[in-house]
Amino acid sequence: MDSFPKTFTPDYKKSEDLYELNLRRLRTKVYKFILRGKEEDFYDLTKFENKRVGNWSDVNRMIATIQQELEELGWKTKLVFGETGLMVYSGEGNAATWGAEF
């Protein structure tokens, strides 16, 4: 960020910008997770929620957006462990690893 937006005044509504900033951060974390190439593993959403957001309703909204974006690009996604883990994989066979969810 080179400078503050001109609209950033005391009357400014910050909540939606904070949501968008956190969505970009989560998108980046999931992207890096996918690049590591471990399709049999899952991304732990609790770490992000505890550190960045502090409320599951926003995280669930972000995950729905991310899942839709990834699926439009041809990836498969699945929430595991009570919807606290996100799996991203290229084919149906990989989701079976965590299908039983202990």
N, C-alpha and C. Protein backbone atom coordinates (compact mmCIF):
# COMPACT_ATOMS: atom_id res chain seq x y z
N MET A 1 0.85 -1.17 0.00
CA MET A 1 0.00 0.00 0.00
C MET A 1 0.90 1.24 0.00
N ASP A 2 0.75 2.05 -1.02
CA ASP A 2 1.57 3.26 -1.13
C ASP A 2 1.06 4.39 -0.25
N SER A 3 -0.25 4.50 -0.13
CA SER A 3 -0.85 5.54 0.71
C SER A 3 -2.25 5.10 1.11
N PHE A 4 -2.82 5.79 2.06
CA PHE A 4 -4.17 5.47 2.49
C PHE A 4 -5.17 5.95 1.45
N PRO A 5 -6.26 5.20 1.27
CA PRO A 5 -7.29 5.65 0.32
C PRO A 5 -7.89 6.99 0.78
N LYS A 6 -8.27 7.81 -0.17
CA LYS A 6 -8.87 9.11 0.14
C LYS A 6 -10.18 8.96 0.90
N THR A 7 -10.83 7.82 0.75
CA THR A 7 -12.11 7.59 1.44
C THR A 7 -11.92 7.11 2.87
N PHE A 8 -10.69 6.93 3.30
CA PHE A 8 -10.40 6.41 4.64
C PHE A 8 -10.49 7.53 5.68
N THR A 9 -11.70 7.88 6.02
CA THR A 9 -11.99 8.94 6.99
C THR A 9 -12.58 8.31 8.25
N PRO A 10 -12.77 9.07 9.31
CA PRO A 10 -13.37 8.49 10.52
C PRO A 10 -14.77 7.91 10.29
N ASP A 11 -15.47 8.35 9.26
CA ASP A 11 -16.81 7.83 8.97
C ASP A 11 -16.77 6.58 8.09
N TYR A 12 -15.60 6.18 7.70
CA TYR A 12 -15.41 5.07 6.77
C TYR A 12 -15.90 3.76 7.38
N LYS A 13 -16.57 2.93 6.57
CA LYS A 13 -17.04 1.62 7.01
C LYS A 13 -15.92 0.60 6.77
N LYS A 14 -15.30 0.14 7.84
CA LYS A 14 -14.10 -0.69 7.73
C LYS A 14 -14.37 -2.18 7.61
N SER A 15 -15.51 -2.65 8.06
CA SER A 15 -15.73 -4.08 8.18
C SER A 15 -15.61 -4.82 6.85
N GLU A 16 -16.16 -4.28 5.77
CA GLU A 16 -16.10 -4.99 4.48
C GLU A 16 -14.68 -4.99 3.92
N ASP A 17 -13.93 -3.90 4.12
CA ASP A 17 -12.54 -3.88 3.68
C ASP A 17 -11.70 -4.89 4.46
N LEU A 18 -11.96 -5.00 5.75
CA LEU A 18 -11.24 -5.98 6.56
C LEU A 18 -11.56 -7.40 6.08
N TYR A 19 -12.83 -7.64 5.77
CA TYR A 19 -13.22 -8.94 5.24
C TYR A 19 -12.46 -9.23 3.94
N GLU A 20 -12.42 -8.27 3.02
CA GLU A 20 -11.74 -8.45 1.74
C GLU A 20 -10.24 -8.67 1.93
N LEU A 21 -9.64 -7.95 2.86
CA LEU A 21 -8.22 -8.14 3.15
C LEU A 21 -7.96 -9.55 3.68
N ASN A 22 -8.80 -10.01 4.59
CA ASN A 22 -8.65 -11.36 5.12
C ASN A 22 -8.91 -12.42 4.06
N LEU A 23 -9.86 -12.17 3.16
CA LEU A 23 -10.12 -13.11 2.06
C LEU A 23 -8.88 -13.22 1.17
N ARG A 24 -8.24 -12.11 0.85
CA ARG A 24 -7.01 -12.15 0.04
C ARG A 24 -5.92 -12.93 0.77
N ARG A 25 -5.81 -12.73 2.08
CA ARG A 25 -4.80 -13.46 2.86
C ARG A 25 -5.07 -14.97 2.84
N LEU A 26 -6.33 -15.34 3.04
CA LEU A 26 -6.67 -16.76 3.04
C LEU A 26 -6.46 -17.36 1.65
N ARG A 27 -6.84 -16.64 0.62
CA ARG A 27 -6.62 -17.10 -0.75
C ARG A 27 -5.13 -17.37 -0.99
N THR A 28 -4.28 -16.46 -0.52
CA THR A 28 -2.83 -16.63 -0.68
C THR A 28 -2.33 -17.85 0.08
N LYS A 29 -2.83 -18.05 1.29
CA LYS A 29 -2.41 -19.21 2.09
C LYS A 29 -2.83 -20.52 1.42
N VAL A 30 -4.05 -20.58 0.92
CA VAL A 30 -4.53 -21.79 0.24
C VAL A 30 -3.74 -22.00 -1.05
N TYR A 31 -3.44 -20.95 -1.78
CA TYR A 31 -2.65 -21.03 -3.00
C TYR A 31 -1.27 -21.63 -2.71
N LYS A 32 -0.60 -21.12 -1.67
CA LYS A 32 0.71 -21.65 -1.29
C LYS A 32 0.60 -23.11 -0.86
N PHE A 33 -0.47 -23.44 -0.14
CA PHE A 33 -0.70 -24.82 0.28
C PHE A 33 -0.81 -25.73 -0.94
N ILE A 34 -1.58 -25.31 -1.95
CA ILE A 34 -1.74 -26.11 -3.17
C ILE A 34 -0.41 -26.25 -3.89
N LEU A 35 0.37 -25.19 -3.96
CA LEU A 35 1.66 -25.23 -4.65
C LEU A 35 2.63 -26.23 -4.01
N ARG A 36 2.46 -26.47 -2.72
CA ARG A 36 3.32 -27.45 -2.05
C ARG A 36 3.05 -28.88 -2.53
N GLY A 37 1.90 -29.08 -3.18
CA GLY A 37 1.62 -30.34 -3.85
C GLY A 37 1.25 -31.51 -2.97
N LYS A 38 0.64 -31.29 -1.83
CA LYS A 38 0.25 -32.39 -0.95
C LYS A 38 -1.26 -32.58 -1.00
N GLU A 39 -1.74 -33.20 -2.07
CA GLU A 39 -3.18 -33.37 -2.25
C GLU A 39 -3.81 -34.28 -1.22
N GLU A 40 -3.02 -35.11 -0.56
CA GLU A 40 -3.58 -36.02 0.44
C GLU A 40 -3.73 -35.33 1.79
N ASP A 41 -3.28 -34.11 1.90
CA ASP A 41 -3.34 -33.37 3.15
C ASP A 41 -4.47 -32.34 3.09
N PHE A 42 -4.67 -31.60 4.18
CA PHE A 42 -5.71 -30.58 4.22
C PHE A 42 -5.15 -29.30 4.82
N TYR A 43 -5.76 -28.17 4.47
CA TYR A 43 -5.38 -26.89 5.05
C TYR A 43 -6.20 -26.67 6.31
N ASP A 44 -5.54 -26.42 7.43
CA ASP A 44 -6.19 -26.25 8.72
C ASP A 44 -6.75 -24.83 8.84
N LEU A 45 -8.05 -24.70 8.73
CA LEU A 45 -8.71 -23.40 8.77
C LEU A 45 -8.71 -22.78 10.17
N THR A 46 -8.57 -23.60 11.20
CA THR A 46 -8.60 -23.05 12.56
C THR A 46 -7.42 -22.12 12.81
N LYS A 47 -6.28 -22.41 12.22
CA LYS A 47 -5.11 -21.54 12.40
C LYS A 47 -5.38 -20.16 11.83
N PHE A 48 -6.00 -20.11 10.67
CA PHE A 48 -6.32 -18.82 10.06
C PHE A 48 -7.40 -18.09 10.86
N GLU A 49 -8.42 -18.82 11.24
CA GLU A 49 -9.54 -18.20 11.99
C GLU A 49 -9.05 -17.63 13.31
N ASN A 50 -8.26 -18.39 14.04
CA ASN A 50 -7.77 -17.94 15.35
C ASN A 50 -6.85 -16.73 15.23
N LYS A 51 -6.02 -16.72 14.19
CA LYS A 51 -5.02 -15.67 14.05
C LYS A 51 -5.57 -14.41 13.40
N ARG A 52 -6.41 -14.55 12.39
CA ARG A 52 -6.80 -13.42 11.56
C ARG A 52 -8.21 -12.90 11.76
N VAL A 53 -9.17 -13.79 11.89
CA VAL A 53 -10.56 -13.36 11.76
C VAL A 53 -11.28 -13.34 13.10
N GLY A 54 -11.25 -14.45 13.81
CA GLY A 54 -11.91 -14.50 15.10
C GLY A 54 -13.40 -14.79 15.04
N ASN A 55 -13.92 -15.09 13.86
CA ASN A 55 -15.33 -15.48 13.80
C ASN A 55 -15.58 -16.40 12.61
N TRP A 56 -16.22 -17.52 12.92
CA TRP A 56 -16.39 -18.58 11.93
C TRP A 56 -17.35 -18.21 10.81
N SER A 57 -18.31 -17.33 11.05
CA SER A 57 -19.25 -17.01 9.98
C SER A 57 -18.52 -16.32 8.83
N ASP A 58 -17.57 -15.44 9.13
CA ASP A 58 -16.77 -14.82 8.06
C ASP A 58 -15.88 -15.84 7.37
N VAL A 59 -15.26 -16.72 8.15
CA VAL A 59 -14.40 -17.75 7.55
C VAL A 59 -15.23 -18.65 6.63
N ASN A 60 -16.42 -19.05 7.07
CA ASN A 60 -17.28 -19.90 6.22
C ASN A 60 -17.64 -19.20 4.92
N ARG A 61 -17.91 -17.90 5.00
CA ARG A 61 -18.20 -17.12 3.79
C ARG A 61 -16.99 -17.08 2.86
N MET A 62 -15.81 -16.89 3.43
CA MET A 62 -14.57 -16.86 2.64
C MET A 62 -14.32 -18.21 1.98
N ILE A 63 -14.51 -19.28 2.75
CA ILE A 63 -14.27 -20.63 2.22
C ILE A 63 -15.23 -20.93 1.08
N ALA A 64 -16.48 -20.54 1.21
CA ALA A 64 -17.45 -20.77 0.12
C ALA A 64 -16.98 -20.07 -1.15
N THR A 65 -16.47 -18.85 -1.01
CA THR A 65 -15.95 -18.11 -2.16
C THR A 65 -14.75 -18.82 -2.77
N ILE A 66 -13.82 -19.23 -1.92
CA ILE A 66 -12.59 -19.89 -2.38
C ILE A 66 -12.93 -21.24 -3.04
N GLN A 67 -13.83 -22.00 -2.44
CA GLN A 67 -14.22 -23.28 -3.03
C GLN A 67 -14.82 -23.06 -4.42
N GLN A 68 -15.69 -22.10 -4.55
CA GLN A 68 -16.32 -21.84 -5.84
C GLN A 68 -15.27 -21.43 -6.88
N GLU A 69 -14.35 -20.55 -6.50
CA GLU A 69 -13.30 -20.11 -7.43
C GLU A 69 -12.44 -21.29 -7.87
N LEU A 70 -12.02 -22.13 -6.92
CA LEU A 70 -11.17 -23.27 -7.25
C LEU A 70 -11.91 -24.28 -8.13
N GLU A 71 -13.17 -24.54 -7.82
CA GLU A 71 -13.94 -25.51 -8.60
C GLU A 71 -14.18 -25.01 -10.02
N GLU A 72 -14.33 -23.70 -10.19
CA GLU A 72 -14.45 -23.14 -11.53
C GLU A 72 -13.17 -23.31 -12.34
N LEU A 73 -12.04 -23.45 -11.63
CA LEU A 73 -10.75 -23.67 -12.28
C LEU A 73 -10.44 -25.16 -12.48
N GLY A 74 -11.35 -26.04 -12.06
CA GLY A 74 -11.16 -27.47 -12.27
C GLY A 74 -10.69 -28.25 -11.06
N TRP A 75 -10.45 -27.60 -9.94
CA TRP A 75 -10.04 -28.30 -8.72
C TRP A 75 -11.27 -28.88 -8.04
N LYS A 76 -11.05 -29.90 -7.24
CA LYS A 76 -12.08 -30.46 -6.36
C LYS A 76 -11.77 -29.97 -4.95
N THR A 77 -12.80 -29.71 -4.17
CA THR A 77 -12.60 -29.28 -2.79
C THR A 77 -13.53 -30.05 -1.87
N LYS A 78 -13.11 -30.16 -0.63
CA LYS A 78 -13.94 -30.84 0.36
C LYS A 78 -13.58 -30.31 1.74
N LEU A 79 -14.59 -30.04 2.55
CA LEU A 79 -14.36 -29.66 3.93
C LEU A 79 -14.37 -30.92 4.79
N VAL A 80 -13.39 -31.03 5.69
CA VAL A 80 -13.27 -32.21 6.55
C VAL A 80 -13.11 -31.76 8.00
N PHE A 81 -13.20 -32.72 8.90
CA PHE A 81 -13.03 -32.48 10.34
C PHE A 81 -13.96 -31.38 10.84
N GLY A 82 -15.25 -31.59 10.63
CA GLY A 82 -16.22 -30.62 11.11
C GLY A 82 -16.09 -29.27 10.44
N GLU A 83 -15.71 -29.28 9.19
CA GLU A 83 -15.52 -28.08 8.37
C GLU A 83 -14.41 -27.17 8.88
N THR A 84 -13.42 -27.75 9.55
CA THR A 84 -12.26 -26.98 9.99
C THR A 84 -11.03 -27.24 9.14
N GLY A 85 -11.15 -28.14 8.17
CA GLY A 85 -10.06 -28.44 7.26
C GLY A 85 -10.54 -28.38 5.83
N LEU A 86 -9.72 -27.82 4.94
CA LEU A 86 -10.07 -27.72 3.52
C LEU A 86 -9.11 -28.58 2.71
N MET A 87 -9.68 -29.54 1.98
CA MET A 87 -8.88 -30.33 1.04
C MET A 87 -9.08 -29.76 -0.35
N VAL A 88 -7.98 -29.68 -1.10
CA VAL A 88 -8.02 -29.24 -2.48
C VAL A 88 -7.22 -30.27 -3.26
N TYR A 89 -7.86 -30.86 -4.29
CA TYR A 89 -7.22 -31.96 -5.00
C TYR A 89 -7.68 -31.96 -6.45
N SER A 90 -6.97 -32.73 -7.27
CA SER A 90 -7.23 -32.73 -8.71
C SER A 90 -8.21 -33.81 -9.15
N GLY A 91 -8.44 -34.81 -8.33
CA GLY A 91 -9.34 -35.89 -8.72
C GLY A 91 -10.08 -36.48 -7.53
N GLU A 92 -11.14 -37.23 -7.79
CA GLU A 92 -11.98 -37.80 -6.73
C GLU A 92 -11.23 -38.73 -5.79
N GLY A 93 -10.29 -39.48 -6.28
CA GLY A 93 -9.60 -40.47 -5.47
C GLY A 93 -8.88 -39.90 -4.26
N ASN A 94 -8.40 -38.69 -4.35
CA ASN A 94 -7.61 -38.11 -3.27
C ASN A 94 -8.42 -37.76 -2.04
N ALA A 95 -9.69 -37.47 -2.19
CA ALA A 95 -10.51 -37.10 -1.04
C ALA A 95 -10.76 -38.29 -0.12
N ALA A 96 -10.64 -39.50 -0.64
CA ALA A 96 -10.90 -40.69 0.17
C ALA A 96 -9.94 -40.80 1.35
N THR A 97 -8.78 -40.17 1.27
CA THR A 97 -7.79 -40.24 2.34
C THR A 97 -8.39 -39.81 3.67
N TRP A 98 -9.18 -38.74 3.66
CA TRP A 98 -9.77 -38.21 4.89
C TRP A 98 -11.29 -38.42 4.92
N GLY A 99 -11.80 -39.22 4.02
CA GLY A 99 -13.24 -39.41 3.92
C GLY A 99 -13.91 -39.88 5.20
N ALA A 100 -13.26 -40.74 5.97
CA ALA A 100 -13.86 -41.27 7.19
C ALA A 100 -13.84 -40.27 8.34
N GLU A 101 -12.95 -39.31 8.30
CA GLU A 101 -12.81 -38.26 9.32
C GLU A 101 -12.69 -38.82 10.74
N PHE A 102 -12.01 -39.88 10.88
CA PHE A 102 -11.73 -40.49 12.19
C PHE A 102 -12.93 -40.45 13.09
